[in-house]
Amino acid sequence: MSSYDFLAGCYDALTYDVDYSAWADYIEKHFRKNPLPGNTVLDLACGTGSLTRELALRGYELIGVDQSPEMLSRAADKNRGGSPIEPIFLCQSMEKLDLYGTVDACVCCLDSVNYVTDPKKLRRAFQRVRLFLTPGGLFLFDINSSAKLEGLDGQVFLDETEDTYCVWRAEFSKRSRICSYFMDIFRLDESTGQWDRGEELHRERAYTVPELTALLEEAGFTDIRTFGNLNMRAPKPNEPRIFFTARKEI
């Protein structure tokens, strides 16, 4: 089973503590600091579309891209009605991004960049993002920091709701710089009253700030900056989450 095939059905329940409104507020701070050429925003690796919807409700024209059909199906359902312009959803991987036109900003949130574990594929993804950005457009993304991923090694976590039970353990390889999440997920089938079980393996690569800065520069981005976790200051040592912004030169 590929990543998110089973998890997609309970992803929102397990991420109930993510404040998407606060994430959208933070993104808009950067939009105000770096005025966009227009109003079209690409939500890359959009998942079930919670952030897509939050931004669409604020008047932005959204395109959501994700490589998981299961996640996109839920994103499309979630984003029907309510926003001035209904988002468009495309099933694509980051490194094969192919849009019909340009966008004024691209956001890639909740450590989705870490999931691209091959630096060559990530370089191609950055190149594709730049290709479809309008000159002067903004690219914003975040990562789980190396310090955070290394600190997860050997830990076991439990997430539980009324109809979902997830146990996951993390293993970090210093050699490959990969953190692997082994997940056992139990989901209640309301129609039968029985519990379905699924297993998934997720991997995140620990990228450093210099590595990502170099990849962005190789892709042609300029004005590359880093920020701490949902704030506008430089990241502290051992910051768990680091944000990047970069520009496509006018």
Protein backbone atom coordinates (compact mmCIF):
# COMPACT_ATOMS: atom_id res chain seq x y z
CA MET A 1 0.00 0.00 0.00
CA SER A 2 1.42 3.39 -0.99
CA SER A 3 1.61 6.32 1.39
CA TYR A 4 -1.77 7.95 2.13
CA ASP A 5 -3.91 5.21 0.53
CA PHE A 6 -5.34 4.28 3.94
CA LEU A 7 -4.34 7.37 5.90
CA ALA A 8 -6.31 9.68 3.61
CA GLY A 9 -9.58 8.50 5.15
CA CYS A 10 -8.57 9.61 8.63
CA TYR A 11 -5.94 12.28 7.92
CA ASP A 12 -8.15 15.18 9.00
CA ALA A 13 -9.11 13.43 12.22
CA LEU A 14 -5.47 12.79 13.09
CA THR A 15 -4.39 16.36 12.29
CA TYR A 16 -7.22 18.05 14.18
CA ASP A 17 -4.68 20.13 16.11
CA VAL A 18 -3.33 21.90 13.00
CA ASP A 19 -4.62 25.47 13.02
CA TYR A 20 -5.00 26.11 9.30
CA SER A 21 -6.37 29.58 9.94
CA ALA A 22 -3.12 30.48 11.75
CA TRP A 23 -1.11 29.02 8.86
CA ALA A 24 -3.10 31.11 6.38
CA ASP A 25 -2.58 34.21 8.56
CA TYR A 26 1.17 33.55 8.49
CA ILE A 27 1.21 33.06 4.72
CA GLU A 28 -0.68 36.32 4.26
CA LYS A 29 1.93 38.13 6.37
CA HIS A 30 4.50 37.13 3.77
CA PHE A 31 2.16 38.11 0.95
CA ARG A 32 1.81 41.58 2.49
CA LYS A 33 5.56 41.83 3.07
CA ASN A 34 6.27 40.70 -0.49
CA PRO A 35 3.31 41.95 -2.59
CA LEU A 36 2.28 39.46 -5.24
CA PRO A 37 1.95 40.24 -8.96
CA GLY A 38 -1.58 38.83 -8.87
CA ASN A 39 -4.03 36.67 -6.92
CA THR A 40 -3.41 33.09 -8.10
CA VAL A 41 -1.84 30.71 -5.58
CA LEU A 42 -0.58 27.17 -6.05
CA ASP A 43 -0.96 24.91 -2.99
CA LEU A 44 1.67 22.26 -3.77
CA ALA A 45 1.21 18.93 -1.95
CA CYS A 46 -2.18 20.18 -0.81
CA GLY A 47 -3.28 16.94 0.87
CA THR A 48 -6.96 17.00 1.82
CA GLY A 49 -7.20 20.68 0.92
CA SER A 50 -7.72 22.27 4.34
CA LEU A 51 -5.21 25.06 3.72
CA THR A 52 -6.43 25.34 0.12
CA ARG A 53 -9.92 26.06 1.39
CA GLU A 54 -8.71 28.53 4.02
CA LEU A 55 -6.87 30.57 1.39
CA ALA A 56 -9.70 30.28 -1.16
CA LEU A 57 -12.17 31.64 1.39
CA ARG A 58 -9.92 34.70 1.69
CA GLY A 59 -10.37 35.49 -1.98
CA TYR A 60 -7.33 33.88 -3.60
CA GLU A 61 -7.66 31.83 -6.77
CA LEU A 62 -6.30 28.41 -5.81
CA ILE A 63 -4.81 25.47 -7.64
CA GLY A 64 -4.22 22.42 -5.45
CA VAL A 65 -1.71 19.77 -6.53
CA ASP A 66 -1.02 16.44 -4.85
CA GLN A 67 0.22 13.05 -6.02
CA SER A 68 -2.32 11.09 -3.93
CA PRO A 69 -5.70 10.55 -5.67
CA GLU A 70 -7.21 9.58 -2.31
CA MET A 71 -6.18 12.86 -0.68
CA LEU A 72 -7.32 14.88 -3.70
CA SER A 73 -10.75 13.24 -3.65
CA ARG A 74 -11.26 14.52 -0.13
CA ALA A 75 -9.82 17.91 -1.04
CA ALA A 76 -12.30 18.30 -3.89
CA ASP A 77 -15.23 17.38 -1.64
CA LYS A 78 -14.07 19.78 1.08
CA ASN A 79 -13.71 22.70 -1.35
CA ARG A 80 -17.09 22.54 -3.05
CA GLY A 81 -18.95 25.80 -2.45
CA GLY A 82 -18.26 28.64 -0.07
CA SER A 83 -15.30 30.35 -1.71
CA PRO A 84 -15.62 33.10 -4.36
CA ILE A 85 -13.68 30.96 -6.86
CA GLU A 86 -13.71 27.18 -6.46
CA PRO A 87 -10.19 25.70 -6.43
CA ILE A 88 -8.90 23.48 -9.22
CA PHE A 89 -7.19 20.21 -8.24
CA LEU A 90 -4.53 18.30 -10.19
CA CYS A 91 -2.97 14.91 -9.48
CA GLN A 92 0.78 15.39 -10.01
CA SER A 93 4.07 14.84 -8.24
CA MET A 94 6.13 17.90 -7.36
CA GLU A 95 8.96 17.15 -9.77
CA LYS A 96 6.49 16.67 -12.64
CA LEU A 97 4.44 19.79 -11.96
CA ASP A 98 2.73 20.90 -15.17
CA LEU A 99 0.27 23.80 -15.08
CA TYR A 100 -1.76 25.39 -17.86
CA GLY A 101 -0.45 28.87 -16.98
CA THR A 102 1.46 30.80 -14.35
CA VAL A 103 0.73 31.45 -10.68
CA ASP A 104 1.64 34.43 -8.51
CA ALA A 105 2.68 32.43 -5.47
CA CYS A 106 3.35 28.82 -4.52
CA VAL A 107 3.00 27.50 -0.98
CA CYS A 108 4.13 24.02 0.04
CA CYS A 109 3.32 23.46 3.68
CA LEU A 110 3.46 21.00 6.57
CA ASP A 111 6.94 19.61 5.74
CA SER A 112 5.92 18.31 2.33
CA VAL A 113 9.38 19.20 1.00
CA ASN A 114 10.91 16.69 3.43
CA TYR A 115 8.91 13.95 1.71
CA VAL A 116 10.93 14.45 -1.48
CA THR A 117 13.83 12.33 -0.25
CA ASP A 118 15.89 12.48 -3.46
CA PRO A 119 17.72 15.84 -3.74
CA LYS A 120 17.77 15.54 -7.55
CA LYS A 121 13.98 15.23 -7.63
CA LEU A 122 13.68 18.15 -5.24
CA ARG A 123 15.88 20.28 -7.51
CA ARG A 124 13.58 19.41 -10.42
CA ALA A 125 10.56 20.28 -8.28
CA PHE A 126 12.04 23.69 -7.47
CA GLN A 127 12.77 24.21 -11.17
CA ARG A 128 9.18 23.37 -12.07
CA VAL A 129 7.82 25.74 -9.42
CA ARG A 130 10.00 28.56 -10.75
CA LEU A 131 8.95 27.81 -14.33
CA PHE A 132 5.29 28.36 -13.49
CA LEU A 133 5.75 31.38 -11.22
CA THR A 134 5.01 34.81 -12.63
CA PRO A 135 8.11 37.06 -12.57
CA GLY A 136 8.18 38.57 -9.09
CA GLY A 137 6.21 35.61 -7.74
CA LEU A 138 6.83 34.16 -4.26
CA PHE A 139 7.65 30.58 -3.26
CA LEU A 140 7.03 29.75 0.42
CA PHE A 141 7.59 26.38 2.05
CA ASP A 142 8.52 24.86 5.39
CA ILE A 143 10.54 21.87 6.54
CA ASN A 144 10.93 19.74 9.61
CA SER A 145 14.45 20.68 10.67
CA SER A 146 17.31 18.21 10.88
CA ALA A 147 17.32 18.68 14.66
CA LYS A 148 13.66 17.69 14.90
CA LEU A 149 13.94 14.62 12.67
CA GLU A 150 17.06 13.37 14.43
CA GLY A 151 15.31 13.82 17.77
CA LEU A 152 12.42 11.59 16.68
CA ASP A 153 14.66 8.52 16.40
CA GLY A 154 13.34 5.64 18.50
CA GLN A 155 10.20 7.42 19.65
CA VAL A 156 6.72 5.87 19.55
CA PHE A 157 3.57 7.98 19.28
CA LEU A 158 -0.14 7.37 19.68
CA ASP A 159 -2.88 9.44 18.05
CA GLU A 160 -6.45 8.58 18.91
CA THR A 161 -9.96 9.84 18.13
CA GLU A 162 -13.37 8.22 18.58
CA ASP A 163 -13.12 6.36 15.28
CA THR A 164 -9.36 6.34 14.55
CA TYR A 165 -6.38 4.85 16.33
CA CYS A 166 -2.85 5.33 15.01
CA VAL A 167 0.41 4.04 16.48
CA TRP A 168 3.61 5.15 14.77
CA ARG A 169 7.27 4.83 15.49
CA ALA A 170 10.17 6.77 14.03
CA GLU A 171 13.62 5.61 13.00
CA PHE A 172 16.30 8.05 11.85
CA SER A 173 19.27 6.90 9.77
CA LYS A 174 22.31 9.14 10.13
CA ARG A 175 23.80 7.53 7.02
CA SER A 176 20.90 8.29 4.67
CA ARG A 177 19.53 11.27 6.62
CA ILE A 178 16.10 9.68 6.30
CA CYS A 179 13.51 9.52 9.08
CA SER A 180 11.10 6.61 8.53
CA TYR A 181 7.64 6.53 10.10
CA PHE A 182 6.10 3.07 10.50
CA MET A 183 2.36 3.52 10.99
CA ASP A 184 -0.35 1.11 12.17
CA ILE A 185 -3.76 2.68 11.61
CA PHE A 186 -7.12 1.38 12.84
CA ARG A 187 -10.25 3.02 11.46
CA LEU A 188 -13.83 2.34 12.52
CA ASP A 189 -16.20 1.34 9.72
CA GLU A 190 -19.45 2.96 10.83
CA SER A 191 -21.54 0.79 8.51
CA THR A 192 -20.37 -2.48 10.10
CA GLY A 193 -19.09 -1.39 13.49
CA GLN A 194 -15.82 -3.19 12.75
CA TRP A 195 -12.29 -1.79 12.76
CA ASP A 196 -10.25 -1.79 9.56
CA ARG A 197 -6.47 -1.94 9.85
CA GLY A 198 -3.91 -0.41 7.52
CA GLU A 199 -0.13 -0.11 7.53
CA GLU A 200 1.84 2.70 5.92
CA LEU A 201 5.46 3.74 5.68
CA HIS A 202 6.37 7.41 5.32
CA ARG A 203 9.84 8.87 4.88
CA GLU A 204 11.23 12.37 5.35
CA ARG A 205 14.72 13.55 4.48
CA ALA A 206 16.59 15.84 6.86
CA TYR A 207 17.68 18.78 4.70
CA THR A 208 19.91 21.53 6.01
CA VAL A 209 19.39 25.22 5.32
CA PRO A 210 22.57 25.41 3.17
CA GLU A 211 21.44 22.37 1.13
CA LEU A 212 18.03 23.84 0.37
CA THR A 213 19.46 27.29 -0.30
CA ALA A 214 21.84 25.78 -2.85
CA LEU A 215 19.01 23.84 -4.54
CA LEU A 216 16.89 26.99 -4.74
CA GLU A 217 19.78 28.95 -6.23
CA GLU A 218 20.46 26.19 -8.77
CA ALA A 219 16.79 26.38 -9.75
CA GLY A 220 17.16 30.11 -10.39
CA PHE A 221 15.50 31.60 -7.30
CA THR A 222 16.69 34.82 -5.70
CA ASP A 223 16.09 36.69 -2.42
CA ILE A 224 16.12 33.45 -0.40
CA ARG A 225 15.23 33.93 3.26
CA THR A 226 14.57 31.70 6.27
CA PHE A 227 12.24 32.15 9.24
CA GLY A 228 11.38 30.38 12.47
CA ASN A 229 8.24 28.37 13.15
CA LEU A 230 5.28 30.53 12.08
CA ASN A 231 7.10 33.76 12.88
CA MET A 232 8.92 36.47 10.98
CA ARG A 233 12.32 36.21 12.70
CA ALA A 234 15.39 34.21 11.74
CA PRO A 235 15.27 30.57 12.91
CA LYS A 236 16.87 29.79 16.25
CA PRO A 237 19.35 26.92 16.74
CA ASN A 238 17.44 23.62 16.94
CA GLU A 239 14.26 25.27 15.58
CA PRO A 240 11.79 22.42 14.94
CA ARG A 241 10.27 23.94 11.80
CA ILE A 242 11.95 26.33 9.38
CA PHE A 243 10.22 28.41 6.72
CA PHE A 244 11.78 29.50 3.42
CA THR A 245 10.75 32.21 1.02
CA ALA A 246 12.26 32.76 -2.42
CA ARG A 247 11.48 34.95 -5.41
CA LYS A 248 11.42 34.52 -9.14
CA GLU A 249 13.32 37.55 -10.37
CA ILE A 250 11.38 40.14 -12.35
